[in-house]
N, C-alpha and C. Protein backbone atom coordinates (compact mmCIF):
# COMPACT_ATOMS: atom_id res chain seq x y z
N MET A 1 0.78 -1.08 -0.37
CA MET A 1 0.40 0.01 0.21
C MET A 1 0.52 0.97 -0.21
N LYS A 2 1.08 1.98 -0.99
CA LYS A 2 1.76 3.73 -1.16
C LYS A 2 1.29 4.58 0.04
N SER A 3 2.28 5.25 0.11
CA SER A 3 1.69 6.06 1.06
C SER A 3 1.04 7.73 0.20
N GLN A 4 0.29 8.72 0.72
CA GLN A 4 0.05 9.61 -0.36
C GLN A 4 0.77 10.25 -0.57
N PHE A 5 2.22 10.30 -0.05
CA PHE A 5 3.14 11.32 -0.66
C PHE A 5 3.70 10.12 -2.43
N ALA A 6 4.06 9.64 -2.02
CA ALA A 6 4.16 8.05 -3.35
C ALA A 6 3.34 7.81 -4.17
N LEU A 7 1.58 8.37 -3.91
CA LEU A 7 0.92 8.07 -4.93
C LEU A 7 0.69 9.64 -5.18
N LYS A 8 0.72 10.75 -4.46
CA LYS A 8 1.11 11.88 -5.74
C LYS A 8 1.99 12.35 -6.38
N VAL A 9 3.51 11.64 -5.92
CA VAL A 9 4.78 11.93 -6.67
C VAL A 9 4.46 10.37 -8.21
N SER A 10 3.79 9.79 -7.98
CA SER A 10 3.77 8.93 -8.38
C SER A 10 2.86 9.19 -10.25
N SER A 11 2.16 9.97 -9.73
CA SER A 11 0.50 10.46 -10.04
C SER A 11 1.10 11.84 -11.33
N THR A 12 2.43 12.73 -10.54
CA THR A 12 2.56 13.38 -11.33
C THR A 12 3.85 13.51 -12.17
N ILE A 13 4.07 12.18 -11.55
CA ILE A 13 5.45 11.36 -12.71
C ILE A 13 5.13 10.64 -14.02
N GLN A 14 3.88 9.85 -13.52
CA GLN A 14 2.85 9.48 -14.78
C GLN A 14 2.64 10.71 -15.95
N GLY A 15 1.78 11.61 -15.43
CA GLY A 15 1.08 13.10 -16.23
C GLY A 15 2.24 13.38 -17.05
N LEU A 16 3.71 13.48 -16.04
CA LEU A 16 4.90 14.37 -16.62
C LEU A 16 5.04 13.94 -18.23
N ALA A 17 5.20 12.25 -18.09
CA ALA A 17 5.80 11.46 -18.80
C ALA A 17 4.90 11.79 -20.24
N ARG A 18 3.71 12.30 -20.41
CA ARG A 18 2.68 11.66 -21.31
C ARG A 18 3.82 13.14 -22.51
N GLY A 19 3.74 14.30 -21.47
CA GLY A 19 4.54 15.36 -21.65
C GLY A 19 5.65 15.51 -22.11
N ASN A 20 6.56 15.50 -21.61
CA ASN A 20 7.94 15.27 -21.51
C ASN A 20 9.23 14.85 -20.23
N ARG A 21 9.37 13.51 -20.78
CA ARG A 21 10.56 12.62 -20.69
C ARG A 21 11.73 13.81 -19.64
N ALA A 22 12.13 14.27 -20.20
CA ALA A 22 12.93 15.89 -19.79
C ALA A 22 12.87 16.14 -18.73
N LEU A 23 11.76 16.59 -18.08
CA LEU A 23 10.68 16.33 -17.42
C LEU A 23 10.29 15.73 -15.86
N VAL A 24 10.62 14.44 -17.18
CA VAL A 24 10.13 13.30 -15.70
C VAL A 24 11.49 13.40 -15.17
N LEU A 25 12.07 13.03 -15.57
CA LEU A 25 14.26 12.94 -14.77
C LEU A 25 14.70 14.19 -14.59
N ALA A 26 13.52 14.82 -14.98
CA ALA A 26 13.89 16.51 -13.97
C ALA A 26 13.40 16.69 -12.38
N ALA A 27 12.43 16.05 -12.62
CA ALA A 27 11.42 15.88 -11.42
C ALA A 27 11.66 14.39 -10.25
N VAL A 28 12.49 13.34 -11.03
CA VAL A 28 13.50 12.09 -10.51
C VAL A 28 14.62 13.08 -9.84
N LEU A 29 15.06 13.49 -10.78
CA LEU A 29 16.72 13.79 -10.08
C LEU A 29 16.45 15.07 -8.37
N GLY A 30 15.60 15.76 -8.91
CA GLY A 30 15.07 16.73 -7.77
C GLY A 30 14.34 15.93 -6.29
N LEU A 31 14.08 15.25 -7.01
CA LEU A 31 13.32 14.22 -5.97
C LEU A 31 14.32 13.68 -4.87
N GLY A 32 15.66 13.13 -5.96
CA GLY A 32 16.30 12.52 -4.97
C GLY A 32 17.41 13.44 -4.23
N ALA A 33 17.78 14.58 -4.90
CA ALA A 33 18.23 15.57 -4.28
C ALA A 33 17.54 16.09 -2.93
N ALA A 34 16.12 15.96 -2.97
CA ALA A 34 15.77 16.83 -1.61
C ALA A 34 15.56 15.46 -0.62
N ILE A 35 15.71 14.51 -0.81
CA ILE A 35 16.10 13.66 -0.12
C ILE A 35 17.19 13.08 0.79
N ALA A 36 18.60 13.01 -0.50
CA ALA A 36 19.29 13.24 -0.58
C ALA A 36 20.60 14.35 1.04
N THR A 37 19.55 15.67 1.11
CA THR A 37 20.51 16.98 1.55
C THR A 37 20.08 16.23 2.99
N PRO A 38 19.41 15.94 3.73
CA PRO A 38 19.40 16.13 5.21
C PRO A 38 20.51 14.76 5.37
N VAL A 39 20.18 13.82 4.57
CA VAL A 39 21.68 12.86 5.36
C VAL A 39 22.81 13.70 5.31
N GLN A 40 23.35 14.21 4.47
CA GLN A 40 24.58 15.41 3.79
C GLN A 40 24.51 16.47 5.12
N ALA A 41 23.76 16.91 5.02
CA ALA A 41 23.58 17.92 6.62
C ALA A 41 24.33 17.28 7.72
N GLN A 42 24.09 16.43 8.10
CA GLN A 42 24.30 15.81 9.33
C GLN A 42 25.92 16.02 9.58
N GLY A 43 26.58 16.78 8.24
CA GLY A 43 28.07 16.21 9.02
C GLY A 43 28.57 14.48 8.78
N THR A 44 28.86 13.82 7.53
CA THR A 44 29.20 12.77 7.62
C THR A 44 31.12 12.79 7.75
N LYS A 45 31.35 12.08 9.00
CA LYS A 45 33.20 12.79 9.17
C LYS A 45 33.77 11.43 7.87
N ILE A 46 34.72 11.43 7.53
CA ILE A 46 35.63 10.50 6.11
C ILE A 46 36.78 10.57 6.45
N GLY A 47 37.49 9.43 6.45
CA GLY A 47 38.51 9.22 6.28
C GLY A 47 38.91 8.38 5.32
N PHE A 48 40.40 8.86 5.34
CA PHE A 48 41.13 7.95 4.11
C PHE A 48 42.21 7.24 4.12
N VAL A 49 42.50 6.51 3.50
CA VAL A 49 44.02 5.51 3.80
C VAL A 49 44.36 4.98 3.35
N SER A 50 45.56 5.40 2.82
CA SER A 50 46.78 4.69 1.93
C SER A 50 47.22 3.18 1.33
N THR A 51 46.86 2.51 1.90
CA THR A 51 47.56 0.98 2.09
C THR A 51 48.64 0.99 1.06
N GLU A 52 48.93 1.49 0.30
CA GLU A 52 49.94 1.59 -0.52
C GLU A 52 51.31 1.61 0.50
N ARG A 53 51.10 3.14 0.83
CA ARG A 53 51.77 3.91 1.77
C ARG A 53 52.68 3.03 2.68
N ILE A 54 50.90 2.34 3.22
CA ILE A 54 50.74 1.70 4.65
C ILE A 54 52.48 0.12 4.19
N LEU A 55 51.94 0.23 3.17
CA LEU A 55 52.93 -1.46 2.89
C LEU A 55 54.03 -1.56 2.40
N ARG A 56 54.32 -0.19 1.93
CA ARG A 56 55.97 0.21 1.79
C ARG A 56 57.14 1.08 2.71
N ASP A 57 55.80 1.72 3.78
CA ASP A 57 56.33 3.06 4.54
C ASP A 57 56.75 2.80 5.88
N SER A 58 55.87 1.86 6.74
CA SER A 58 55.07 1.14 8.18
C SER A 58 56.18 0.51 8.43
N LYS A 59 56.21 0.52 9.78
CA LYS A 59 57.48 -0.42 10.41
C LYS A 59 57.40 -1.77 10.10
N PRO A 60 56.39 -2.33 10.13
CA PRO A 60 56.76 -3.37 9.64
C PRO A 60 56.32 -3.93 8.22
N ALA A 61 56.00 -3.35 7.80
CA ALA A 61 56.33 -3.63 6.51
C ALA A 61 57.74 -3.64 6.19
N LYS A 62 58.15 -2.59 6.27
CA LYS A 62 60.20 -2.84 6.42
C LYS A 62 61.17 -3.16 6.78
N ALA A 63 60.22 -3.95 7.90
CA ALA A 63 60.26 -5.05 9.09
C ALA A 63 60.41 -6.28 7.98
N ALA A 64 58.98 -7.22 7.11
CA ALA A 64 58.92 -7.84 6.92
C ALA A 64 59.58 -7.78 5.31
N GLN A 65 59.82 -6.97 4.51
CA GLN A 65 60.44 -6.59 3.66
C GLN A 65 62.38 -6.88 3.81
N ALA A 66 62.73 -7.03 4.40
CA ALA A 66 64.09 -7.16 4.88
C ALA A 66 63.86 -8.26 5.37
N LYS A 67 63.38 -9.37 6.08
CA LYS A 67 63.14 -10.39 6.31
C LYS A 67 62.80 -11.18 5.44
N ILE A 68 62.01 -11.18 4.59
CA ILE A 68 62.09 -11.78 3.58
C ILE A 68 63.56 -12.29 2.23
N GLU A 69 63.83 -10.76 2.29
CA GLU A 69 65.66 -10.40 1.48
C GLU A 69 66.21 -11.17 1.51
N ALA A 70 66.10 -11.53 3.02
CA ALA A 70 66.96 -12.39 3.66
C ALA A 70 66.79 -13.57 3.73
N GLU A 71 65.77 -14.03 3.87
CA GLU A 71 65.03 -15.60 3.83
C GLU A 71 65.52 -16.01 1.92
N PHE A 72 65.56 -15.30 1.21
CA PHE A 72 65.84 -15.80 0.03
C PHE A 72 66.88 -14.99 -0.96
N LYS A 73 68.11 -14.55 -0.29
CA LYS A 73 68.85 -13.92 -0.46
C LYS A 73 70.28 -14.84 -1.19
N GLY A 74 69.79 -16.28 -0.10
CA GLY A 74 70.74 -17.24 -0.63
C GLY A 74 70.04 -17.82 -2.21
N ARG A 75 69.52 -18.50 -1.83
CA ARG A 75 68.55 -19.03 -4.06
C ARG A 75 68.29 -17.57 -4.31
N ASP A 76 68.42 -16.22 -4.65
CA ASP A 76 68.93 -15.39 -5.19
C ASP A 76 70.07 -15.50 -6.21
N GLN A 77 71.24 -15.40 -5.16
CA GLN A 77 72.33 -15.90 -5.43
C GLN A 77 73.08 -16.67 -6.40
N GLU A 78 72.06 -18.28 -5.91
CA GLU A 78 72.08 -19.32 -6.35
C GLU A 78 71.92 -19.05 -8.15
N LEU A 79 70.27 -18.42 -8.10
CA LEU A 79 69.72 -17.60 -9.88
C LEU A 79 71.26 -17.10 -10.22
N GLN A 80 72.13 -16.03 -9.88
CA GLN A 80 72.31 -15.77 -10.82
C GLN A 80 73.87 -16.03 -10.56
N ASN A 81 74.81 -16.84 -9.45
CA ASN A 81 75.68 -17.76 -10.42
C ASN A 81 75.22 -18.84 -11.71
N LEU A 82 73.95 -19.57 -11.37
CA LEU A 82 73.25 -19.98 -12.61
C LEU A 82 73.30 -19.56 -14.14
N ALA A 83 72.43 -18.21 -14.15
CA ALA A 83 72.85 -17.18 -15.01
C ALA A 83 74.46 -16.64 -16.05
N ASN A 84 75.44 -16.66 -14.64
CA ASN A 84 76.68 -16.54 -15.11
C ASN A 84 77.23 -17.57 -15.40
N LYS A 85 77.30 -18.77 -15.00
CA LYS A 85 77.43 -19.77 -15.61
C LYS A 85 77.69 -19.81 -17.14
N LEU A 86 75.97 -19.98 -17.13
CA LEU A 86 75.21 -20.44 -18.40
C LEU A 86 76.07 -18.84 -19.59
N ARG A 87 76.18 -17.99 -18.97
CA ARG A 87 76.95 -16.65 -20.56
C ARG A 87 77.66 -17.10 -20.39
N SER A 88 78.71 -17.63 -19.95
CA SER A 88 80.01 -17.81 -19.72
C SER A 88 80.13 -19.39 -20.64
N GLN A 89 79.35 -20.28 -20.21
CA GLN A 89 79.64 -21.38 -21.37
C GLN A 89 78.71 -20.60 -22.96
N ALA A 90 77.85 -20.09 -23.08
CA ALA A 90 77.45 -19.68 -23.98
C ALA A 90 78.60 -18.82 -25.23
N GLN A 91 79.04 -17.70 -23.78
CA GLN A 91 80.75 -16.78 -24.73
C GLN A 91 81.27 -18.25 -25.63
N LYS A 92 82.11 -19.08 -24.42
CA LYS A 92 82.70 -19.99 -25.03
C LYS A 92 82.31 -21.04 -25.79
N PHE A 93 80.86 -21.50 -26.46
CA PHE A 93 80.76 -21.65 -26.99
C PHE A 93 80.59 -21.25 -28.72
N ASP A 94 80.24 -19.67 -28.37
CA ASP A 94 80.17 -18.72 -29.92
C ASP A 94 81.65 -19.04 -30.24
N LYS A 95 82.21 -18.99 -28.72
CA LYS A 95 84.03 -18.53 -29.50
C LYS A 95 84.44 -19.92 -30.02
N ASP A 96 84.31 -21.19 -29.75
CA ASP A 96 84.71 -22.40 -29.94
C ASP A 96 83.94 -22.92 -31.52
N ALA A 97 82.72 -22.71 -31.50
CA ALA A 97 81.55 -23.21 -32.51
C ALA A 97 82.40 -23.42 -34.02
N PRO A 98 82.72 -22.51 -34.30
CA PRO A 98 83.61 -22.89 -35.70
C PRO A 98 84.95 -23.68 -35.73
N VAL A 99 85.26 -24.52 -34.79
CA VAL A 99 85.92 -24.94 -34.74
C VAL A 99 85.75 -27.19 -34.11
N LEU A 100 84.04 -26.71 -33.84
CA LEU A 100 84.19 -28.23 -33.17
C LEU A 100 83.18 -28.89 -34.75
N SER A 101 83.32 -30.19 -33.55
CA SER A 101 82.92 -30.98 -35.43
C SER A 101 81.37 -30.63 -35.11
N GLU A 102 80.77 -31.15 -35.92
CA GLU A 102 78.55 -30.91 -36.19
C GLU A 102 78.13 -31.93 -34.68
N SER A 103 78.36 -33.02 -34.20
CA SER A 103 78.39 -33.77 -33.05
C SER A 103 78.59 -33.09 -32.19
N ASP A 104 79.79 -32.57 -32.21
CA ASP A 104 80.07 -31.87 -30.32
C ASP A 104 79.34 -29.99 -30.85
N ARG A 105 78.45 -29.58 -31.56
CA ARG A 105 78.40 -28.19 -31.52
C ARG A 105 76.96 -29.02 -30.93
N ILE A 106 76.53 -30.19 -31.68
CA ILE A 106 74.94 -30.12 -31.33
C ILE A 106 74.81 -30.74 -29.58
N LYS A 107 75.67 -31.33 -28.49
CA LYS A 107 75.60 -31.46 -27.57
C LYS A 107 75.86 -30.41 -26.81
N ARG A 108 76.91 -29.83 -27.33
CA ARG A 108 76.96 -28.40 -26.53
C ARG A 108 75.90 -27.64 -26.54
N GLN A 109 74.44 -27.33 -27.52
CA GLN A 109 74.25 -26.93 -28.01
C GLN A 109 73.30 -27.36 -26.86
N ARG A 110 72.64 -28.27 -26.79
CA ARG A 110 71.91 -29.40 -26.58
C ARG A 110 72.32 -28.54 -24.47
N GLN A 111 73.31 -29.15 -24.16
CA GLN A 111 73.75 -28.37 -22.31
C GLN A 111 73.28 -27.23 -22.51
N LEU A 112 73.24 -26.50 -23.36
CA LEU A 112 73.00 -24.51 -22.78
C LEU A 112 71.59 -24.44 -23.16
N ALA A 113 70.91 -25.17 -23.90
CA ALA A 113 69.76 -25.08 -24.24
C ALA A 113 69.35 -25.79 -22.35
N GLU A 114 69.18 -26.83 -22.16
CA GLU A 114 69.02 -27.27 -20.60
C GLU A 114 69.23 -26.83 -19.72
N LEU A 115 70.55 -26.42 -19.62
CA LEU A 115 70.64 -25.06 -18.83
C LEU A 115 70.34 -23.66 -18.93
N ASP A 116 69.56 -23.35 -19.41
CA ASP A 116 69.05 -22.45 -20.09
C ASP A 116 67.85 -22.48 -19.74
N SER A 117 66.80 -24.06 -19.47
CA SER A 117 65.35 -24.34 -19.25
C SER A 117 65.75 -24.50 -17.72
N ASP A 118 66.62 -24.78 -17.77
CA ASP A 118 66.79 -24.80 -16.19
C ASP A 118 67.07 -23.98 -14.97
N LEU A 119 67.30 -23.17 -15.19
CA LEU A 119 67.49 -21.34 -15.42
C LEU A 119 66.68 -21.18 -14.77
N GLN A 120 66.09 -21.25 -15.52
CA GLN A 120 64.05 -20.20 -16.31
C GLN A 120 63.29 -20.77 -14.99
N ARG A 121 63.15 -22.04 -15.48
CA ARG A 121 62.63 -23.00 -13.90
C ARG A 121 62.52 -22.93 -13.39
N LYS A 122 64.27 -22.70 -12.41
CA LYS A 122 64.28 -22.09 -10.62
C LYS A 122 63.36 -20.44 -10.82
N ARG A 123 63.72 -19.48 -11.78
CA ARG A 123 63.50 -18.11 -11.64
C ARG A 123 62.23 -18.16 -11.34
N ARG A 124 61.44 -19.00 -12.08
CA ARG A 124 60.24 -19.30 -12.01
C ARG A 124 59.32 -19.78 -10.54
N GLU A 125 60.07 -21.06 -10.62
CA GLU A 125 59.70 -21.09 -8.83
C GLU A 125 60.03 -20.41 -7.55
N PHE A 126 61.61 -19.60 -7.70
CA PHE A 126 62.25 -18.44 -7.19
C PHE A 126 60.38 -17.54 -6.79
N GLN A 127 60.37 -16.64 -7.77
CA GLN A 127 59.32 -15.99 -7.81
C GLN A 127 57.85 -16.19 -7.41
N GLU A 128 57.82 -18.01 -7.76
CA GLU A 128 56.07 -18.00 -6.93
C GLU A 128 56.29 -18.21 -5.46
N ASP A 129 58.13 -18.52 -4.74
CA ASP A 129 57.46 -19.06 -3.58
C ASP A 129 58.20 -17.74 -3.03
N PHE A 130 58.80 -16.72 -3.14
CA PHE A 130 58.95 -15.11 -3.39
C PHE A 130 57.51 -14.28 -2.80
N ASN A 131 56.65 -14.35 -3.77
CA ASN A 131 56.08 -13.57 -3.71
C ASN A 131 54.61 -14.61 -2.59
N ARG A 132 54.57 -15.78 -2.20
CA ARG A 132 54.25 -16.69 -1.86
C ARG A 132 54.29 -15.89 -0.56
N ARG A 133 55.03 -16.33 0.14
CA ARG A 133 55.76 -15.27 0.82
C ARG A 133 55.81 -14.20 1.26
N ARG A 134 55.50 -13.19 0.32
CA ARG A 134 55.40 -11.62 1.02
C ARG A 134 54.32 -11.31 1.26
N ASN A 135 53.33 -12.42 0.23
CA ASN A 135 52.20 -12.18 0.06
C ASN A 135 51.55 -12.59 1.97
N GLU A 136 52.20 -13.65 2.55
CA GLU A 136 51.87 -14.34 3.74
C GLU A 136 52.09 -13.45 4.60
N GLU A 137 53.53 -12.55 4.57
CA GLU A 137 53.75 -11.33 6.09
C GLU A 137 52.62 -10.50 5.49
N PHE A 138 52.41 -9.72 4.37
CA PHE A 138 51.90 -8.14 4.26
C PHE A 138 51.12 -8.80 4.85
N SER A 139 49.92 -10.04 4.52
CA SER A 139 48.53 -10.16 4.38
C SER A 139 48.51 -9.96 6.54
N HIS A 140 48.93 -10.19 7.24
CA HIS A 140 49.18 -10.53 8.71
C HIS A 140 49.49 -8.54 8.90
N ILE A 141 50.09 -8.19 7.77
CA ILE A 141 49.48 -5.95 8.12
C ILE A 141 48.98 -5.17 7.65
N VAL A 142 48.04 -6.27 6.89
CA VAL A 142 47.44 -5.52 6.48
C VAL A 142 46.01 -6.08 6.96
N GLU A 143 46.11 -7.42 8.02
CA GLU A 143 45.00 -7.46 9.32
C GLU A 143 45.51 -6.47 10.68
N LYS A 144 46.50 -5.62 10.61
CA LYS A 144 46.72 -4.86 11.96
C LYS A 144 46.75 -3.58 11.63
N ALA A 145 46.86 -3.57 10.36
CA ALA A 145 46.44 -2.23 9.89
C ALA A 145 44.77 -1.69 9.98
N ASP A 146 43.79 -2.72 8.99
CA ASP A 146 42.51 -2.72 9.33
C ASP A 146 41.70 -3.15 10.81
N ALA A 147 42.71 -3.47 11.59
CA ALA A 147 41.81 -3.38 13.37
C ALA A 147 42.51 -1.71 13.18
N ALA A 148 44.11 -1.50 13.47
CA ALA A 148 43.79 -0.27 13.67
C ALA A 148 43.35 1.26 12.76
N ILE A 149 42.83 1.07 11.81
CA ILE A 149 41.56 2.18 11.30
C ILE A 149 39.97 1.60 12.27
N LYS A 150 39.89 0.29 12.44
CA LYS A 150 38.88 0.72 13.01
C LYS A 150 38.55 0.62 14.58
N LYS A 151 39.95 0.58 15.44
CA LYS A 151 39.78 1.33 16.28
C LYS A 151 40.01 3.10 16.24
N ILE A 152 40.82 3.71 15.01
CA ILE A 152 40.74 4.55 15.10
C ILE A 152 39.16 5.13 14.59
N ALA A 153 38.02 5.05 13.66
CA ALA A 153 37.23 4.95 13.21
C ALA A 153 36.59 5.56 14.39
N GLU A 154 35.96 4.32 15.62
CA GLU A 154 35.44 3.99 16.30
C GLU A 154 35.89 5.31 17.00
N GLN A 155 37.12 5.52 18.04
CA GLN A 155 37.86 6.59 18.75
C GLN A 155 37.17 8.28 18.52
N GLN A 156 37.62 8.25 17.14
CA GLN A 156 37.39 9.18 16.82
C GLN A 156 36.23 9.84 16.20
N GLY A 157 35.29 9.02 15.86
CA GLY A 157 33.64 9.22 15.44
C GLY A 157 33.61 8.75 14.27
N TYR A 158 34.58 8.54 13.24
CA TYR A 158 34.88 8.60 11.13
C TYR A 158 33.53 7.80 10.85
N ASP A 159 32.61 8.47 9.95
CA ASP A 159 31.52 7.60 9.78
C ASP A 159 31.46 6.36 8.22
N LEU A 160 33.24 6.66 7.64
CA LEU A 160 33.17 6.12 6.19
C LEU A 160 35.09 6.37 6.52
N ILE A 161 35.68 5.47 6.02
CA ILE A 161 37.41 5.25 6.01
C ILE A 161 37.12 4.95 4.45
N ILE A 162 37.44 5.78 3.41
CA ILE A 162 37.46 4.59 2.16
C ILE A 162 39.18 4.93 1.94
N GLN A 163 39.62 3.73 1.26
CA GLN A 163 41.16 2.79 1.69
C GLN A 163 41.43 3.56 -0.72
N ASP A 164 42.70 3.54 -0.53
CA ASP A 164 42.64 3.16 -2.18
C ASP A 164 41.99 4.11 -2.89
N ALA A 165 41.91 5.38 -3.79
CA ALA A 165 41.47 6.84 -3.50
C ALA A 165 41.86 7.51 -4.84
N VAL A 166 41.30 7.99 -5.84
CA VAL A 166 41.67 8.11 -7.48
C VAL A 166 42.51 9.98 -6.52
N THR A 167 42.33 10.53 -5.94
CA THR A 167 42.38 11.61 -5.06
C THR A 167 41.36 11.78 -4.24
N VAL A 168 42.53 12.34 -3.50
CA VAL A 168 42.13 12.45 -1.69
C VAL A 168 42.87 14.35 -1.25
N SER A 169 41.48 14.42 -0.04
CA SER A 169 42.70 15.81 0.35
C SER A 169 42.61 15.16 1.83
N PRO A 170 44.19 16.08 1.42
CA PRO A 170 44.87 15.75 3.21
C PRO A 170 44.35 15.52 3.93
N ARG A 171 43.47 16.90 4.45
CA ARG A 171 42.49 16.82 5.34
C ARG A 171 41.79 15.66 6.07
N VAL A 172 41.57 14.74 4.93
CA VAL A 172 41.14 13.36 5.61
C VAL A 172 42.24 12.48 5.76
N ASP A 173 42.92 12.49 5.30
CA ASP A 173 43.70 11.03 4.96
C ASP A 173 44.33 11.50 6.64
N ILE A 174 43.96 9.43 6.50
CA ILE A 174 44.64 9.34 8.52
C ILE A 174 45.55 8.17 8.25
N THR A 175 46.28 7.99 7.05
CA THR A 175 46.97 7.21 7.08
C THR A 175 48.96 7.29 7.58
N ASP A 176 49.03 8.69 8.27
CA ASP A 176 49.95 8.66 9.10
C ASP A 176 49.74 8.03 11.04
N GLN A 177 48.23 8.52 10.82
CA GLN A 177 48.27 7.71 12.41
C GLN A 177 47.80 6.39 11.89
N VAL A 178 47.34 5.55 11.41
CA VAL A 178 47.65 4.14 10.92
C VAL A 178 48.95 3.62 11.00
N MET A 179 49.62 4.44 10.39
CA MET A 179 50.97 4.12 11.15
C MET A 179 51.32 4.31 11.93
N LYS A 180 51.88 5.28 12.39
CA LYS A 180 51.66 5.59 14.16
C LYS A 180 50.95 3.87 15.53
N ALA A 181 49.77 4.03 15.00
CA ALA A 181 49.36 3.10 15.65
C ALA A 181 50.27 1.83 14.96
N LEU A 182 50.35 1.49 13.52
CA LEU A 182 51.07 0.77 13.44
C LEU A 182 52.84 0.04 13.69
N GLY A 183 53.21 1.22 15.32
CA GLY A 183 54.73 1.21 15.39
C GLY A 183 55.15 2.39 14.91
N GLY A 184 54.68 2.94 14.18
CA GLY A 184 56.04 3.76 13.41
C GLY A 184 55.19 3.97 11.26
């Protein structure tokens, strides 16, 4: 059952619809603006947090990055050594190729191809492991940041906190407060 107001609006829109669609659109937009105005007049408090800055500049993020780099340093060095070995063997092959027999040339080409395949596989595995480990560490930071954001929102009376927007006024940016709550 429609209210009297809804019935009047409905009949007015239907009457206008017969005459002019542009007027109908204007009436609907005007009605929407009239309804939305009281909500905006109440003074909604909005904040913004840059997740990117938190994951790049906060103390926990820097500590996690250092921990992961230390963890993978040995494997990274192994990959660099393997790449250097492949490069030196390829240079040696290029130098020796004119004097090698056909069978020796084919044999060394296969060895180089196997070494290159092994290097590519190890790089792929390294990158997958590194990304997985990084995501594990940074997901903990995001959880802590979310908890800090909720706490700040409750303490300071925020109605809405947005993460990662295209453009933001510095007066609503609370990223520094979140980083401080995370320990720096």
